[in-house]
């Protein structure tokens, strides 16, 4: 879901998504369905998206699966499921320099 960029002087993963156009469209639809059915709250800042999950095992399983697949196609994302005492959160973070990629991802979820 991002344009291909590399940051000078860094060996990190390029800011790029490996999905083709058809697969990207399907993935965006999958993310939208996930947010609509399994997410209770959305928080964002410049480098992090936090999706507070509904309190169900199905939401947790879906978050882990979707997060892992997103990391596979967009390796610059840092993806984690955070288990807190009162909530479960799927967190997607990007490194400095990839803020626009995350902003585009968030826009795609909301459109």
C-alpha atoms as a PDB file:
ATOM      1  CA  UNK A   1       0.000   0.000   0.000  1.00  0.00           C
ATOM      2  CA  UNK A   2       2.993   2.294  -0.302  1.00  0.00           C
ATOM      3  CA  UNK A   3       5.191   3.718  -2.981  1.00  0.00           C
ATOM      4  CA  UNK A   4       8.666   2.279  -3.263  1.00  0.00           C
ATOM      5  CA  UNK A   5      11.277   4.357  -1.487  1.00  0.00           C
ATOM      6  CA  UNK A   6      14.534   3.685   0.241  1.00  0.00           C
ATOM      7  CA  UNK A   7      16.072   5.922   2.819  1.00  0.00           C
ATOM      8  CA  UNK A   8      19.655   6.983   2.132  1.00  0.00           C
ATOM      9  CA  UNK A   9      22.117   5.499   4.591  1.00  0.00           C
ATOM     10  CA  UNK A  10      19.704   2.860   5.907  1.00  0.00           C
ATOM     11  CA  UNK A  11      19.684  -0.909   5.318  1.00  0.00           C
ATOM     12  CA  UNK A  12      16.082  -1.320   6.491  1.00  0.00           C
ATOM     13  CA  UNK A  13      13.367  -2.722   4.291  1.00  0.00           C
ATOM     14  CA  UNK A  14      12.311  -0.456   1.442  1.00  0.00           C
ATOM     15  CA  UNK A  15       9.098   1.490   1.952  1.00  0.00           C
ATOM     16  CA  UNK A  16       7.127  -0.630  -0.512  1.00  0.00           C
ATOM     17  CA  UNK A  17       4.287  -3.128  -0.770  1.00  0.00           C
ATOM     18  CA  UNK A  18       4.856  -6.290  -2.782  1.00  0.00           C
ATOM     19  CA  UNK A  19       1.177  -6.923  -3.620  1.00  0.00           C
ATOM     20  CA  UNK A  20       0.015  -6.541  -7.220  1.00  0.00           C
ATOM     21  CA  UNK A  21      -2.976  -4.264  -7.948  1.00  0.00           C
ATOM     22  CA  UNK A  22      -5.592  -7.021  -7.732  1.00  0.00           C
ATOM     23  CA  UNK A  23      -4.215  -8.460  -4.506  1.00  0.00           C
ATOM     24  CA  UNK A  24      -3.881  -4.972  -3.047  1.00  0.00           C
ATOM     25  CA  UNK A  25      -7.554  -4.238  -3.728  1.00  0.00           C
ATOM     26  CA  UNK A  26      -8.563  -7.514  -2.071  1.00  0.00           C
ATOM     27  CA  UNK A  27      -6.354  -6.791   0.943  1.00  0.00           C
ATOM     28  CA  UNK A  28      -7.818  -3.297   1.368  1.00  0.00           C
ATOM     29  CA  UNK A  29     -11.312  -4.817   1.320  1.00  0.00           C
ATOM     30  CA  UNK A  30     -10.216  -7.387   3.896  1.00  0.00           C
ATOM     31  CA  UNK A  31      -8.827  -4.660   6.163  1.00  0.00           C
ATOM     32  CA  UNK A  32     -12.065  -2.656   5.849  1.00  0.00           C
ATOM     33  CA  UNK A  33     -14.163  -5.717   6.774  1.00  0.00           C
ATOM     34  CA  UNK A  34     -11.848  -6.426   9.714  1.00  0.00           C
ATOM     35  CA  UNK A  35     -12.154  -2.872  11.046  1.00  0.00           C
ATOM     36  CA  UNK A  36     -15.939  -2.924  10.580  1.00  0.00           C
ATOM     37  CA  UNK A  37     -16.454  -6.271  12.329  1.00  0.00           C
ATOM     38  CA  UNK A  38     -13.602  -6.705  14.824  1.00  0.00           C
ATOM     39  CA  UNK A  39     -12.331  -3.274  15.896  1.00  0.00           C
ATOM     40  CA  UNK A  40     -13.794  -1.207  18.722  1.00  0.00           C
ATOM     41  CA  UNK A  41     -11.508   1.831  18.433  1.00  0.00           C
ATOM     42  CA  UNK A  42      -8.896   3.288  16.073  1.00  0.00           C
ATOM     43  CA  UNK A  43      -6.040   5.530  17.236  1.00  0.00           C
ATOM     44  CA  UNK A  44      -3.404   7.014  14.945  1.00  0.00           C
ATOM     45  CA  UNK A  45      -0.412   9.270  15.083  1.00  0.00           C
ATOM     46  CA  UNK A  46       2.266   9.975  12.491  1.00  0.00           C
ATOM     47  CA  UNK A  47       4.010   6.613  12.824  1.00  0.00           C
ATOM     48  CA  UNK A  48       1.560   4.275  14.569  1.00  0.00           C
ATOM     49  CA  UNK A  49      -1.907   2.837  14.009  1.00  0.00           C
ATOM     50  CA  UNK A  50      -3.545   1.146  17.002  1.00  0.00           C
ATOM     51  CA  UNK A  51      -6.651  -0.935  16.461  1.00  0.00           C
ATOM     52  CA  UNK A  52      -8.367  -1.860  19.725  1.00  0.00           C
ATOM     53  CA  UNK A  53      -9.992  -5.212  19.130  1.00  0.00           C
ATOM     54  CA  UNK A  54     -13.443  -6.364  20.112  1.00  0.00           C
ATOM     55  CA  UNK A  55     -13.302  -8.730  23.062  1.00  0.00           C
ATOM     56  CA  UNK A  56     -13.575 -11.956  21.092  1.00  0.00           C
ATOM     57  CA  UNK A  57     -11.259 -14.784  20.189  1.00  0.00           C
ATOM     58  CA  UNK A  58     -12.312 -14.365  16.542  1.00  0.00           C
ATOM     59  CA  UNK A  59     -11.084 -10.743  16.525  1.00  0.00           C
ATOM     60  CA  UNK A  60      -7.773 -11.744  18.089  1.00  0.00           C
ATOM     61  CA  UNK A  61      -7.261 -14.581  15.600  1.00  0.00           C
ATOM     62  CA  UNK A  62      -8.172 -12.354  12.653  1.00  0.00           C
ATOM     63  CA  UNK A  63      -5.808  -9.616  13.882  1.00  0.00           C
ATOM     64  CA  UNK A  64      -2.887 -12.030  14.171  1.00  0.00           C
ATOM     65  CA  UNK A  65      -3.533 -13.499  10.718  1.00  0.00           C
ATOM     66  CA  UNK A  66      -4.043 -10.190   8.935  1.00  0.00           C
ATOM     67  CA  UNK A  67      -1.139  -8.546  10.733  1.00  0.00           C
ATOM     68  CA  UNK A  68       1.218 -11.371   9.747  1.00  0.00           C
ATOM     69  CA  UNK A  69       0.151 -11.192   6.111  1.00  0.00           C
ATOM     70  CA  UNK A  70       0.575  -7.405   6.075  1.00  0.00           C
ATOM     71  CA  UNK A  71       4.099  -7.753   7.474  1.00  0.00           C
ATOM     72  CA  UNK A  72       4.893 -10.260   4.703  1.00  0.00           C
ATOM     73  CA  UNK A  73       3.969  -7.846   1.898  1.00  0.00           C
ATOM     74  CA  UNK A  74       5.059  -4.621   3.647  1.00  0.00           C
ATOM     75  CA  UNK A  75       8.172  -5.601   5.625  1.00  0.00           C
ATOM     76  CA  UNK A  76       8.810  -2.021   6.744  1.00  0.00           C
ATOM     77  CA  UNK A  77       5.737  -2.261   9.012  1.00  0.00           C
ATOM     78  CA  UNK A  78       6.368  -3.256  12.615  1.00  0.00           C
ATOM     79  CA  UNK A  79       3.317  -5.349  13.508  1.00  0.00           C
ATOM     80  CA  UNK A  80       2.400  -6.506  17.006  1.00  0.00           C
ATOM     81  CA  UNK A  81      -0.590  -7.774  18.923  1.00  0.00           C
ATOM     82  CA  UNK A  82      -0.481  -6.199  22.365  1.00  0.00           C
ATOM     83  CA  UNK A  83      -2.294  -7.984  25.188  1.00  0.00           C
ATOM     84  CA  UNK A  84      -3.077  -5.435  27.872  1.00  0.00           C
ATOM     85  CA  UNK A  85      -5.047  -6.066  31.087  1.00  0.00           C
ATOM     86  CA  UNK A  86      -8.202  -4.395  29.760  1.00  0.00           C
ATOM     87  CA  UNK A  87      -7.829  -4.516  25.983  1.00  0.00           C
ATOM     88  CA  UNK A  88      -6.143  -6.188  23.021  1.00  0.00           C
ATOM     89  CA  UNK A  89      -4.557  -4.013  20.352  1.00  0.00           C
ATOM     90  CA  UNK A  90      -3.215  -4.667  16.872  1.00  0.00           C
ATOM     91  CA  UNK A  91      -0.402  -2.147  16.429  1.00  0.00           C
ATOM     92  CA  UNK A  92       1.160  -1.250  13.091  1.00  0.00           C
ATOM     93  CA  UNK A  93       4.103   1.142  13.210  1.00  0.00           C
ATOM     94  CA  UNK A  94       6.399   2.525  10.548  1.00  0.00           C
ATOM     95  CA  UNK A  95       9.929   3.904  10.817  1.00  0.00           C
ATOM     96  CA  UNK A  96      10.738   7.582  10.453  1.00  0.00           C
ATOM     97  CA  UNK A  97      10.451   8.482   6.797  1.00  0.00           C
ATOM     98  CA  UNK A  98       7.464   6.211   6.176  1.00  0.00           C
ATOM     99  CA  UNK A  99       4.772   8.433   7.670  1.00  0.00           C
ATOM    100  CA  UNK A 100       3.095   8.978   4.300  1.00  0.00           C
ATOM    101  CA  UNK A 101       2.868   5.221   3.745  1.00  0.00           C
ATOM    102  CA  UNK A 102       1.008   4.828   7.047  1.00  0.00           C
ATOM    103  CA  UNK A 103      -1.210   7.826   6.293  1.00  0.00           C
ATOM    104  CA  UNK A 104      -2.141   6.246   2.956  1.00  0.00           C
ATOM    105  CA  UNK A 105      -2.888   2.950   4.697  1.00  0.00           C
ATOM    106  CA  UNK A 106      -5.175   4.706   7.190  1.00  0.00           C
ATOM    107  CA  UNK A 107      -6.920   6.639   4.383  1.00  0.00           C
ATOM    108  CA  UNK A 108      -7.543   3.356   2.552  1.00  0.00           C
ATOM    109  CA  UNK A 109      -9.157   1.876   5.664  1.00  0.00           C
ATOM    110  CA  UNK A 110     -11.486   4.838   6.045  1.00  0.00           C
ATOM    111  CA  UNK A 111     -12.591   5.338   2.448  1.00  0.00           C
END
